[in-house]
């Protein structure tokens, strides 16, 4: 189908992605054409913090991942690979757990903390 749309023979389709430079060049062109930004370390940190608020309400991975994907799309950023999305969700859950633990234990005195 794509070969027909591009007006090329289907047999050469397998050769398309053989050059890494071709994939990078075309990805760059598509990002520009679609007005998307790449996903980098800055975005990783931003979304891990952003997702922590939701992780304080639920630890359901599907809910977190769905919200994360929607927000990444809303901000017009290229979706990162699934393992990176999973890592962001896990980090948000860990942060939320630390916040909950600290809020539950901040009123305990030293004797209570040692007893636990």
PDB file of N, CA and C in Angstrom:
ATOM      1  N   UNK A   1       0.831  -1.186   0.000  1.00  0.00           N
ATOM      2  CA  UNK A   1       0.000   0.000   0.000  1.00  0.00           C
ATOM      3  C   UNK A   1       0.883   1.260   0.000  1.00  0.00           C
ATOM      4  N   UNK A   2       1.872   1.281   0.890  1.00  0.00           N
ATOM      5  CA  UNK A   2       2.747   2.453   0.960  1.00  0.00           C
ATOM      6  C   UNK A   2       3.566   2.583  -0.323  1.00  0.00           C
ATOM      7  N   UNK A   3       4.026   1.424  -0.835  1.00  0.00           N
ATOM      8  CA  UNK A   3       4.785   1.454  -2.089  1.00  0.00           C
ATOM      9  C   UNK A   3       3.963   2.066  -3.208  1.00  0.00           C
ATOM     10  N   UNK A   4       2.688   1.705  -3.273  1.00  0.00           N
ATOM     11  CA  UNK A   4       1.805   2.246  -4.308  1.00  0.00           C
ATOM     12  C   UNK A   4       1.639   3.759  -4.136  1.00  0.00           C
ATOM     13  N   UNK A   5       1.490   4.203  -2.890  1.00  0.00           N
ATOM     14  CA  UNK A   5       1.335   5.634  -2.634  1.00  0.00           C
ATOM     15  C   UNK A   5       2.585   6.418  -3.014  1.00  0.00           C
ATOM     16  N   UNK A   6       3.756   5.798  -2.800  1.00  0.00           N
ATOM     17  CA  UNK A   6       5.007   6.467  -3.124  1.00  0.00           C
ATOM     18  C   UNK A   6       5.434   6.278  -4.570  1.00  0.00           C
ATOM     19  N   UNK A   7       4.777   5.333  -5.253  1.00  0.00           N
ATOM     20  CA  UNK A   7       5.122   5.075  -6.645  1.00  0.00           C
ATOM     21  C   UNK A   7       6.433   4.323  -6.809  1.00  0.00           C
ATOM     22  N   UNK A   8       6.711   3.404  -5.883  1.00  0.00           N
ATOM     23  CA  UNK A   8       7.924   2.594  -5.972  1.00  0.00           C
ATOM     24  C   UNK A   8       7.549   1.122  -5.936  1.00  0.00           C
ATOM     25  N   UNK A   9       8.472   0.286  -6.360  1.00  0.00           N
ATOM     26  CA  UNK A   9       8.242  -1.155  -6.360  1.00  0.00           C
ATOM     27  C   UNK A   9       8.276  -1.694  -4.926  1.00  0.00           C
ATOM     28  N   UNK A  10       7.369  -2.592  -4.557  1.00  0.00           N
ATOM     29  CA  UNK A  10       7.339  -3.135  -3.197  1.00  0.00           C
ATOM     30  C   UNK A  10       8.631  -3.847  -2.802  1.00  0.00           C
ATOM     31  N   UNK A  11       9.353  -4.391  -3.773  1.00  0.00           N
ATOM     32  CA  UNK A  11      10.574  -5.146  -3.466  1.00  0.00           C
ATOM     33  C   UNK A  11      11.665  -4.269  -2.849  1.00  0.00           C
ATOM     34  N   UNK A  12      11.677  -2.986  -3.187  1.00  0.00           N
ATOM     35  CA  UNK A  12      12.749  -2.134  -2.660  1.00  0.00           C
ATOM     36  C   UNK A  12      12.426  -1.618  -1.252  1.00  0.00           C
ATOM     37  N   UNK A  13      11.212  -1.877  -0.773  1.00  0.00           N
ATOM     38  CA  UNK A  13      10.810  -1.410   0.555  1.00  0.00           C
ATOM     39  C   UNK A  13      11.741  -1.951   1.647  1.00  0.00           C
ATOM     40  N   UNK A  14      12.187  -3.189   1.507  1.00  0.00           N
ATOM     41  CA  UNK A  14      13.067  -3.796   2.509  1.00  0.00           C
ATOM     42  C   UNK A  14      14.393  -3.048   2.610  1.00  0.00           C
ATOM     43  N   UNK A  15      14.814  -2.415   1.550  1.00  0.00           N
ATOM     44  CA  UNK A  15      16.075  -1.675   1.547  1.00  0.00           C
ATOM     45  C   UNK A  15      15.947  -0.290   2.178  1.00  0.00           C
ATOM     46  N   UNK A  16      14.725   0.179   2.343  1.00  0.00           N
ATOM     47  CA  UNK A  16      14.495   1.560   2.790  1.00  0.00           C
ATOM     48  C   UNK A  16      15.245   1.901   4.069  1.00  0.00           C
ATOM     49  N   UNK A  17      15.064   1.112   5.109  1.00  0.00           N
ATOM     50  CA  UNK A  17      15.637   1.443   6.401  1.00  0.00           C
ATOM     51  C   UNK A  17      17.031   0.915   6.639  1.00  0.00           C
ATOM     52  N   UNK A  18      17.666   0.411   5.605  1.00  0.00           N
ATOM     53  CA  UNK A  18      18.989  -0.184   5.773  1.00  0.00           C
ATOM     54  C   UNK A  18      20.026   0.858   6.211  1.00  0.00           C
ATOM     55  N   UNK A  19      19.914   2.065   5.743  1.00  0.00           N
ATOM     56  CA  UNK A  19      20.845   3.129   6.123  1.00  0.00           C
ATOM     57  C   UNK A  19      20.307   3.871   7.336  1.00  0.00           C
ATOM     58  N   UNK A  20      21.053   3.868   8.431  1.00  0.00           N
ATOM     59  CA  UNK A  20      20.616   4.567   9.640  1.00  0.00           C
ATOM     60  C   UNK A  20      20.459   6.069   9.372  1.00  0.00           C
ATOM     61  N   UNK A  21      21.303   6.615   8.518  1.00  0.00           N
ATOM     62  CA  UNK A  21      21.221   8.037   8.199  1.00  0.00           C
ATOM     63  C   UNK A  21      19.881   8.376   7.556  1.00  0.00           C
ATOM     64  N   UNK A  22      19.379   7.478   6.709  1.00  0.00           N
ATOM     65  CA  UNK A  22      18.093   7.705   6.050  1.00  0.00           C
ATOM     66  C   UNK A  22      16.986   7.811   7.089  1.00  0.00           C
ATOM     67  N   UNK A  23      16.977   6.886   8.041  1.00  0.00           N
ATOM     68  CA  UNK A  23      15.943   6.921   9.082  1.00  0.00           C
ATOM     69  C   UNK A  23      16.029   8.211   9.890  1.00  0.00           C
ATOM     70  N   UNK A  24      17.231   8.608  10.268  1.00  0.00           N
ATOM     71  CA  UNK A  24      17.399   9.834  11.061  1.00  0.00           C
ATOM     72  C   UNK A  24      16.973  11.069  10.265  1.00  0.00           C
ATOM     73  N   UNK A  25      17.369  11.121   8.996  1.00  0.00           N
ATOM     74  CA  UNK A  25      17.001  12.267   8.162  1.00  0.00           C
ATOM     75  C   UNK A  25      15.495  12.361   8.003  1.00  0.00           C
ATOM     76  N   UNK A  26      14.856  11.233   7.746  1.00  0.00           N
ATOM     77  CA  UNK A  26      13.406  11.233   7.547  1.00  0.00           C
ATOM     78  C   UNK A  26      12.669  11.529   8.850  1.00  0.00           C
ATOM     79  N   UNK A  27      13.188  11.035   9.960  1.00  0.00           N
ATOM     80  CA  UNK A  27      12.572  11.340  11.251  1.00  0.00           C
ATOM     81  C   UNK A  27      12.655  12.839  11.526  1.00  0.00           C
ATOM     82  N   UNK A  28      13.795  13.431  11.231  1.00  0.00           N
ATOM     83  CA  UNK A  28      13.965  14.870  11.419  1.00  0.00           C
ATOM     84  C   UNK A  28      12.996  15.655  10.536  1.00  0.00           C
ATOM     85  N   UNK A  29      12.857  15.234   9.296  1.00  0.00           N
ATOM     86  CA  UNK A  29      11.929  15.895   8.379  1.00  0.00           C
ATOM     87  C   UNK A  29      10.488  15.769   8.860  1.00  0.00           C
ATOM     88  N   UNK A  30      10.128  14.584   9.330  1.00  0.00           N
ATOM     89  CA  UNK A  30       8.765  14.373   9.831  1.00  0.00           C
ATOM     90  C   UNK A  30       8.487  15.214  11.077  1.00  0.00           C
ATOM     91  N   UNK A  31       9.467  15.277  11.982  1.00  0.00           N
ATOM     92  CA  UNK A  31       9.288  16.102  13.189  1.00  0.00           C
ATOM     93  C   UNK A  31       9.040  17.552  12.799  1.00  0.00           C
ATOM     94  N   UNK A  32       9.827  18.044  11.866  1.00  0.00           N
ATOM     95  CA  UNK A  32       9.669  19.429  11.416  1.00  0.00           C
ATOM     96  C   UNK A  32       8.308  19.621  10.770  1.00  0.00           C
ATOM     97  N   UNK A  33       7.946  18.720   9.878  1.00  0.00           N
ATOM     98  CA  UNK A  33       6.679  18.816   9.158  1.00  0.00           C
ATOM     99  C   UNK A  33       5.486  18.765  10.112  1.00  0.00           C
ATOM    100  N   UNK A  34       5.557  17.910  11.130  1.00  0.00           N
ATOM    101  CA  UNK A  34       4.439  17.726  12.062  1.00  0.00           C
ATOM    102  C   UNK A  34       4.521  18.647  13.280  1.00  0.00           C
ATOM    103  N   UNK A  35       5.605  19.406  13.386  1.00  0.00           N
ATOM    104  CA  UNK A  35       5.754  20.325  14.511  1.00  0.00           C
ATOM    105  C   UNK A  35       5.984  19.623  15.837  1.00  0.00           C
ATOM    106  N   UNK A  36       6.751  18.530  15.813  1.00  0.00           N
ATOM    107  CA  UNK A  36       7.016  17.764  17.028  1.00  0.00           C
ATOM    108  C   UNK A  36       8.415  18.050  17.546  1.00  0.00           C
ATOM    109  N   UNK A  37       8.573  17.906  18.869  1.00  0.00           N
ATOM    110  CA  UNK A  37       9.886  18.043  19.495  1.00  0.00           C
ATOM    111  C   UNK A  37      10.391  16.660  19.870  1.00  0.00           C
ATOM    112  N   UNK A  38      11.692  16.481  19.902  1.00  0.00           N
ATOM    113  CA  UNK A  38      12.224  15.180  20.333  1.00  0.00           C
ATOM    114  C   UNK A  38      12.073  15.012  21.844  1.00  0.00           C
ATOM    115  N   UNK A  39      12.094  13.775  22.299  1.00  0.00           N
ATOM    116  CA  UNK A  39      12.004  13.453  23.715  1.00  0.00           C
ATOM    117  C   UNK A  39      13.417  13.313  24.256  1.00  0.00           C
ATOM    118  N   UNK A  40      13.781  14.152  25.198  1.00  0.00           N
ATOM    119  CA  UNK A  40      15.123  14.122  25.767  1.00  0.00           C
ATOM    120  C   UNK A  40      15.094  14.044  27.279  1.00  0.00           C
ATOM    121  N   UNK A  41      16.244  14.261  27.887  1.00  0.00           N
ATOM    122  CA  UNK A  41      16.373  14.189  29.346  1.00  0.00           C
ATOM    123  C   UNK A  41      15.496  15.225  30.041  1.00  0.00           C
ATOM    124  N   UNK A  42      15.426  16.420  29.474  1.00  0.00           N
ATOM    125  CA  UNK A  42      14.588  17.478  30.050  1.00  0.00           C
ATOM    126  C   UNK A  42      13.121  17.027  30.097  1.00  0.00           C
ATOM    127  N   UNK A  43      12.667  16.409  29.025  1.00  0.00           N
ATOM    128  CA  UNK A  43      11.280  15.928  28.971  1.00  0.00           C
ATOM    129  C   UNK A  43      11.069  14.771  29.941  1.00  0.00           C
ATOM    130  N   UNK A  44      12.075  13.904  30.032  1.00  0.00           N
ATOM    131  CA  UNK A  44      11.989  12.778  30.975  1.00  0.00           C
ATOM    132  C   UNK A  44      11.739  13.293  32.391  1.00  0.00           C
ATOM    133  N   UNK A  45      12.553  14.250  32.816  1.00  0.00           N
ATOM    134  CA  UNK A  45      12.418  14.811  34.170  1.00  0.00           C
ATOM    135  C   UNK A  45      11.075  15.510  34.350  1.00  0.00           C
ATOM    136  N   UNK A  46      10.684  16.270  33.342  1.00  0.00           N
ATOM    137  CA  UNK A  46       9.407  16.995  33.394  1.00  0.00           C
ATOM    138  C   UNK A  46       8.239  16.032  33.584  1.00  0.00           C
ATOM    139  N   UNK A  47       8.201  14.982  32.779  1.00  0.00           N
ATOM    140  CA  UNK A  47       7.064  14.057  32.845  1.00  0.00           C
ATOM    141  C   UNK A  47       7.101  13.181  34.092  1.00  0.00           C
ATOM    142  N   UNK A  48       8.272  12.858  34.597  1.00  0.00           N
ATOM    143  CA  UNK A  48       8.361  12.084  35.843  1.00  0.00           C
ATOM    144  C   UNK A  48       7.793  12.901  36.997  1.00  0.00           C
ATOM    145  N   UNK A  49       8.106  14.204  37.039  1.00  0.00           N
ATOM    146  CA  UNK A  49       7.532  15.075  38.087  1.00  0.00           C
ATOM    147  C   UNK A  49       6.035  15.251  37.873  1.00  0.00           C
ATOM    148  N   UNK A  50       5.648  15.505  36.623  1.00  0.00           N
ATOM    149  CA  UNK A  50       4.244  15.726  36.295  1.00  0.00           C
ATOM    150  C   UNK A  50       3.392  14.516  36.685  1.00  0.00           C
ATOM    151  N   UNK A  51       3.889  13.322  36.428  1.00  0.00           N
ATOM    152  CA  UNK A  51       3.125  12.099  36.665  1.00  0.00           C
ATOM    153  C   UNK A  51       3.035  11.748  38.150  1.00  0.00           C
ATOM    154  N   UNK A  52       3.905  12.310  38.967  1.00  0.00           N
ATOM    155  CA  UNK A  52       3.892  12.010  40.402  1.00  0.00           C
ATOM    156  C   UNK A  52       2.569  12.401  41.043  1.00  0.00           C
ATOM    157  N   UNK A  53       1.978  13.506  40.625  1.00  0.00           N
ATOM    158  CA  UNK A  53       0.677  13.908  41.179  1.00  0.00           C
ATOM    159  C   UNK A  53      -0.383  12.835  40.961  1.00  0.00           C
ATOM    160  N   UNK A  54      -0.412  12.264  39.779  1.00  0.00           N
ATOM    161  CA  UNK A  54      -1.374  11.194  39.512  1.00  0.00           C
ATOM    162  C   UNK A  54      -0.999   9.932  40.274  1.00  0.00           C
ATOM    163  N   UNK A  55       0.287   9.657  40.390  1.00  0.00           N
ATOM    164  CA  UNK A  55       0.743   8.462  41.114  1.00  0.00           C
ATOM    165  C   UNK A  55       0.408   8.540  42.605  1.00  0.00           C
ATOM    166  N   UNK A  56       0.192   9.738  43.129  1.00  0.00           N
ATOM    167  CA  UNK A  56      -0.258   9.882  44.512  1.00  0.00           C
ATOM    168  C   UNK A  56      -1.702   9.396  44.672  1.00  0.00           C
ATOM    169  N   UNK A  57      -2.426   9.336  43.568  1.00  0.00           N
ATOM    170  CA  UNK A  57      -3.828   8.927  43.590  1.00  0.00           C
ATOM    171  C   UNK A  57      -4.026   7.464  43.205  1.00  0.00           C
ATOM    172  N   UNK A  58      -3.108   6.939  42.389  1.00  0.00           N
ATOM    173  CA  UNK A  58      -3.224   5.549  41.934  1.00  0.00           C
ATOM    174  C   UNK A  58      -1.849   5.000  41.604  1.00  0.00           C
ATOM    175  N   UNK A  59      -1.700   3.693  41.802  1.00  0.00           N
ATOM    176  CA  UNK A  59      -0.455   3.047  41.382  1.00  0.00           C
ATOM    177  C   UNK A  59      -0.712   2.096  40.216  1.00  0.00           C
ATOM    178  N   UNK A  60      -1.839   2.256  39.566  1.00  0.00           N
ATOM    179  CA  UNK A  60      -2.192   1.436  38.399  1.00  0.00           C
ATOM    180  C   UNK A  60      -1.366   1.881  37.197  1.00  0.00           C
ATOM    181  N   UNK A  61      -0.497   0.997  36.752  1.00  0.00           N
ATOM    182  CA  UNK A  61       0.394   1.316  35.645  1.00  0.00           C
ATOM    183  C   UNK A  61      -0.310   1.725  34.376  1.00  0.00           C
ATOM    184  N   UNK A  62      -1.418   1.077  34.072  1.00  0.00           N
ATOM    185  CA  UNK A  62      -2.146   1.388  32.838  1.00  0.00           C
ATOM    186  C   UNK A  62      -2.683   2.816  32.882  1.00  0.00           C
ATOM    187  N   UNK A  63      -3.205   3.217  34.021  1.00  0.00           N
ATOM    188  CA  UNK A  63      -3.737   4.576  34.169  1.00  0.00           C
ATOM    189  C   UNK A  63      -2.609   5.591  34.012  1.00  0.00           C
ATOM    190  N   UNK A  64      -1.481   5.332  34.663  1.00  0.00           N
ATOM    191  CA  UNK A  64      -0.346   6.246  34.576  1.00  0.00           C
ATOM    192  C   UNK A  64       0.192   6.328  33.147  1.00  0.00           C
ATOM    193  N   UNK A  65       0.387   5.175  32.528  1.00  0.00           N
ATOM    194  CA  UNK A  65       0.947   5.152  31.165  1.00  0.00           C
ATOM    195  C   UNK A  65       0.015   5.841  30.168  1.00  0.00           C
ATOM    196  N   UNK A  66      -1.287   5.600  30.298  1.00  0.00           N
ATOM    197  CA  UNK A  66      -2.257   6.229  29.392  1.00  0.00           C
ATOM    198  C   UNK A  66      -2.225   7.744  29.541  1.00  0.00           C
ATOM    199  N   UNK A  67      -2.215   8.216  30.778  1.00  0.00           N
ATOM    200  CA  UNK A  67      -2.156   9.664  31.018  1.00  0.00           C
ATOM    201  C   UNK A  67      -0.857  10.253  30.495  1.00  0.00           C
ATOM    202  N   UNK A  68       0.232   9.535  30.709  1.00  0.00           N
ATOM    203  CA  UNK A  68       1.536   9.996  30.234  1.00  0.00           C
ATOM    204  C   UNK A  68       1.549  10.128  28.718  1.00  0.00           C
ATOM    205  N   UNK A  69       1.077   9.118  28.035  1.00  0.00           N
ATOM    206  CA  UNK A  69       1.052   9.157  26.562  1.00  0.00           C
ATOM    207  C   UNK A  69       0.186  10.306  26.067  1.00  0.00           C
ATOM    208  N   UNK A  70      -0.982  10.491  26.679  1.00  0.00           N
ATOM    209  CA  UNK A  70      -1.858  11.596  26.273  1.00  0.00           C
ATOM    210  C   UNK A  70      -1.168  12.951  26.454  1.00  0.00           C
ATOM    211  N   UNK A  71      -0.464  13.111  27.569  1.00  0.00           N
ATOM    212  CA  UNK A  71       0.211  14.387  27.836  1.00  0.00           C
ATOM    213  C   UNK A  71       1.378  14.614  26.885  1.00  0.00           C
ATOM    214  N   UNK A  72       2.140  13.566  26.599  1.00  0.00           N
ATOM    215  CA  UNK A  72       3.252  13.691  25.649  1.00  0.00           C
ATOM    216  C   UNK A  72       2.715  14.120  24.289  1.00  0.00           C
ATOM    217  N   UNK A  73       1.616  13.515  23.862  1.00  0.00           N
ATOM    218  CA  UNK A  73       1.017  13.891  22.577  1.00  0.00           C
ATOM    219  C   UNK A  73       0.489  15.318  22.613  1.00  0.00           C
ATOM    220  N   UNK A  74      -0.136  15.679  23.730  1.00  0.00           N
ATOM    221  CA  UNK A  74      -0.693  17.025  23.879  1.00  0.00           C
ATOM    222  C   UNK A  74       0.406  18.084  23.769  1.00  0.00           C
ATOM    223  N   UNK A  75       1.580  17.770  24.314  1.00  0.00           N
ATOM    224  CA  UNK A  75       2.700  18.705  24.260  1.00  0.00           C
ATOM    225  C   UNK A  75       3.498  18.593  22.961  1.00  0.00           C
ATOM    226  N   UNK A  76       3.009  17.775  22.036  1.00  0.00           N
ATOM    227  CA  UNK A  76       3.597  17.621  20.696  1.00  0.00           C
ATOM    228  C   UNK A  76       5.059  17.203  20.749  1.00  0.00           C
ATOM    229  N   UNK A  77       5.287  16.120  21.507  1.00  0.00           N
ATOM    230  CA  UNK A  77       6.615  15.543  21.641  1.00  0.00           C
ATOM    231  C   UNK A  77       6.565  14.128  21.083  1.00  0.00           C
ATOM    232  N   UNK A  78       7.630  13.709  20.419  1.00  0.00           N
ATOM    233  CA  UNK A  78       7.701  12.356  19.868  1.00  0.00           C
ATOM    234  C   UNK A  78       7.665  11.362  21.030  1.00  0.00           C
ATOM    235  N   UNK A  79       6.792  10.350  20.921  1.00  0.00           N
ATOM    236  CA  UNK A  79       6.695   9.342  21.979  1.00  0.00           C
ATOM    237  C   UNK A  79       7.999   8.573  22.115  1.00  0.00           C
ATOM    238  N   UNK A  80       8.478   8.427  23.336  1.00  0.00           N
ATOM    239  CA  UNK A  80       9.696   7.640  23.549  1.00  0.00           C
ATOM    240  C   UNK A  80       9.367   6.151  23.485  1.00  0.00           C
ATOM    241  N   UNK A  81      10.374   5.297  23.485  1.00  0.00           N
ATOM    242  CA  UNK A  81      10.131   3.848  23.473  1.00  0.00           C
ATOM    243  C   UNK A  81       9.385   3.399  24.739  1.00  0.00           C
ATOM    244  N   UNK A  82       8.680   2.292  24.628  1.00  0.00           N
ATOM    245  CA  UNK A  82       7.874   1.763  25.734  1.00  0.00           C
ATOM    246  C   UNK A  82       8.694   1.564  27.017  1.00  0.00           C
ATOM    247  N   UNK A  83       9.906   0.996  26.956  1.00  0.00           N
ATOM    248  CA  UNK A  83      10.660   0.838  28.210  1.00  0.00           C
ATOM    249  C   UNK A  83      10.909   2.168  28.931  1.00  0.00           C
ATOM    250  N   UNK A  84      11.061   3.240  28.180  1.00  0.00           N
ATOM    251  CA  UNK A  84      11.264   4.547  28.800  1.00  0.00           C
ATOM    252  C   UNK A  84       9.969   5.045  29.440  1.00  0.00           C
ATOM    253  N   UNK A  85       8.841   4.808  28.788  1.00  0.00           N
ATOM    254  CA  UNK A  85       7.547   5.153  29.378  1.00  0.00           C
ATOM    255  C   UNK A  85       7.342   4.386  30.688  1.00  0.00           C
ATOM    256  N   UNK A  86       7.706   3.106  30.676  1.00  0.00           N
ATOM    257  CA  UNK A  86       7.589   2.285  31.891  1.00  0.00           C
ATOM    258  C   UNK A  86       8.470   2.825  33.005  1.00  0.00           C
ATOM    259  N   UNK A  87       9.678   3.249  32.659  1.00  0.00           N
ATOM    260  CA  UNK A  87      10.606   3.777  33.651  1.00  0.00           C
ATOM    261  C   UNK A  87      10.076   5.069  34.274  1.00  0.00           C
ATOM    262  N   UNK A  88       9.468   5.926  33.454  1.00  0.00           N
ATOM    263  CA  UNK A  88       8.891   7.167  33.966  1.00  0.00           C
ATOM    264  C   UNK A  88       7.757   6.854  34.939  1.00  0.00           C
ATOM    265  N   UNK A  89       6.905   5.900  34.575  1.00  0.00           N
ATOM    266  CA  UNK A  89       5.798   5.512  35.455  1.00  0.00           C
ATOM    267  C   UNK A  89       6.329   4.939  36.767  1.00  0.00           C
ATOM    268  N   UNK A  90       7.337   4.097  36.689  1.00  0.00           N
ATOM    269  CA  UNK A  90       7.915   3.497  37.898  1.00  0.00           C
ATOM    270  C   UNK A  90       8.534   4.573  38.787  1.00  0.00           C
ATOM    271  N   UNK A  91       9.212   5.531  38.189  1.00  0.00           N
ATOM    272  CA  UNK A  91       9.821   6.601  38.969  1.00  0.00           C
ATOM    273  C   UNK A  91       8.748   7.445  39.660  1.00  0.00           C
ATOM    274  N   UNK A  92       7.664   7.721  38.966  1.00  0.00           N
ATOM    275  CA  UNK A  92       6.575   8.501  39.564  1.00  0.00           C
ATOM    276  C   UNK A  92       5.941   7.742  40.728  1.00  0.00           C
ATOM    277  N   UNK A  93       5.765   6.427  40.583  1.00  0.00           N
ATOM    278  CA  UNK A  93       5.209   5.621  41.670  1.00  0.00           C
ATOM    279  C   UNK A  93       6.154   5.625  42.869  1.00  0.00           C
ATOM    280  N   UNK A  94       7.455   5.485  42.621  1.00  0.00           N
ATOM    281  CA  UNK A  94       8.434   5.516  43.719  1.00  0.00           C
ATOM    282  C   UNK A  94       8.418   6.860  44.449  1.00  0.00           C
ATOM    283  N   UNK A  95       8.368   7.936  43.699  1.00  0.00           N
ATOM    284  CA  UNK A  95       8.296   9.267  44.319  1.00  0.00           C
ATOM    285  C   UNK A  95       7.028   9.412  45.153  1.00  0.00           C
ATOM    286  N   UNK A  96       5.920   8.983  44.586  1.00  0.00           N
ATOM    287  CA  UNK A  96       4.644   9.079  45.300  1.00  0.00           C
ATOM    288  C   UNK A  96       4.686   8.247  46.583  1.00  0.00           C
ATOM    289  N   UNK A  97       5.252   7.061  46.513  1.00  0.00           N
ATOM    290  CA  UNK A  97       5.365   6.224  47.712  1.00  0.00           C
ATOM    291  C   UNK A  97       6.221   6.893  48.784  1.00  0.00           C
ATOM    292  N   UNK A  98       7.308   7.538  48.375  1.00  0.00           N
ATOM    293  CA  UNK A  98       8.160   8.252  49.334  1.00  0.00           C
ATOM    294  C   UNK A  98       7.411   9.412  49.984  1.00  0.00           C
ATOM    295  N   UNK A  99       6.654  10.141  49.177  1.00  0.00           N
ATOM    296  CA  UNK A  99       5.870  11.266  49.707  1.00  0.00           C
ATOM    297  C   UNK A  99       4.840  10.765  50.710  1.00  0.00           C
ATOM    298  N   UNK A 100       4.151   9.682  50.373  1.00  0.00           N
ATOM    299  CA  UNK A 100       3.144   9.114  51.279  1.00  0.00           C
ATOM    300  C   UNK A 100       3.808   8.615  52.557  1.00  0.00           C
ATOM    301  N   UNK A 101       4.912   7.900  52.429  1.00  0.00           N
ATOM    302  CA  UNK A 101       5.629   7.386  53.602  1.00  0.00           C
ATOM    303  C   UNK A 101       6.063   8.535  54.518  1.00  0.00           C
ATOM    304  N   UNK A 102       6.639   9.578  53.921  1.00  0.00           N
ATOM    305  CA  UNK A 102       7.091  10.723  54.726  1.00  0.00           C
ATOM    306  C   UNK A 102       5.932  11.420  55.425  1.00  0.00           C
ATOM    307  N   UNK A 103       4.808  11.557  54.727  1.00  0.00           N
ATOM    308  CA  UNK A 103       3.670  12.225  55.361  1.00  0.00           C
ATOM    309  C   UNK A 103       3.074  11.376  56.488  1.00  0.00           C
ATOM    310  N   UNK A 104       3.156  10.053  56.373  1.00  0.00           N
ATOM    311  CA  UNK A 104       2.626   9.174  57.415  1.00  0.00           C
ATOM    312  C   UNK A 104       3.562   9.068  58.612  1.00  0.00           C
ATOM    313  N   UNK A 105       4.846   9.273  58.407  1.00  0.00           N
ATOM    314  CA  UNK A 105       5.811   9.065  59.489  1.00  0.00           C
ATOM    315  C   UNK A 105       6.383  10.354  60.076  1.00  0.00           C
ATOM    316  N   UNK A 106       6.056  11.503  59.526  1.00  0.00           N
ATOM    317  CA  UNK A 106       6.668  12.742  60.003  1.00  0.00           C
ATOM    318  C   UNK A 106       6.279  13.081  61.441  1.00  0.00           C
ATOM    319  N   UNK A 107       5.137  12.607  61.906  1.00  0.00           N
ATOM    320  CA  UNK A 107       4.692  12.920  63.266  1.00  0.00           C
ATOM    321  C   UNK A 107       5.233  11.932  64.306  1.00  0.00           C
ATOM    322  N   UNK A 108       5.884  10.898  63.870  1.00  0.00           N
ATOM    323  CA  UNK A 108       6.403   9.906  64.804  1.00  0.00           C
ATOM    324  C   UNK A 108       7.645  10.441  65.519  1.00  0.00           C
ATOM    325  N   UNK A 109       7.740  10.148  66.804  1.00  0.00           N
ATOM    326  CA  UNK A 109       8.959  10.534  67.522  1.00  0.00           C
ATOM    327  C   UNK A 109      10.001   9.424  67.343  1.00  0.00           C
ATOM    328  N   UNK A 110      11.189   9.654  67.884  1.00  0.00           N
ATOM    329  CA  UNK A 110      12.304   8.714  67.700  1.00  0.00           C
ATOM    330  C   UNK A 110      11.991   7.331  68.247  1.00  0.00           C
ATOM    331  N   UNK A 111      11.304   7.261  69.379  1.00  0.00           N
ATOM    332  CA  UNK A 111      10.961   5.955  69.966  1.00  0.00           C
ATOM    333  C   UNK A 111      10.057   5.158  69.056  1.00  0.00           C
ATOM    334  N   UNK A 112       9.073   5.826  68.472  1.00  0.00           N
ATOM    335  CA  UNK A 112       8.158   5.149  67.540  1.00  0.00           C
ATOM    336  C   UNK A 112       8.914   4.649  66.313  1.00  0.00           C
ATOM    337  N   UNK A 113       9.810   5.464  65.810  1.00  0.00           N
ATOM    338  CA  UNK A 113      10.570   5.087  64.604  1.00  0.00           C
ATOM    339  C   UNK A 113      11.471   3.873  64.885  1.00  0.00           C
ATOM    340  N   UNK A 114      12.095   3.840  66.054  1.00  0.00           N
ATOM    341  CA  UNK A 114      12.930   2.690  66.397  1.00  0.00           C
ATOM    342  C   UNK A 114      12.100   1.436  66.581  1.00  0.00           C
ATOM    343  N   UNK A 115      10.894   1.570  67.078  1.00  0.00           N
ATOM    344  CA  UNK A 115      10.026   0.421  67.310  1.00  0.00           C
ATOM    345  C   UNK A 115       9.565  -0.205  65.999  1.00  0.00           C
ATOM    346  N   UNK A 116       9.516   0.576  64.962  1.00  0.00           N
ATOM    347  CA  UNK A 116       9.057   0.076  63.672  1.00  0.00           C
ATOM    348  C   UNK A 116      10.129  -0.662  63.005  1.00  0.00           C
TER     349      UNK A 116
END
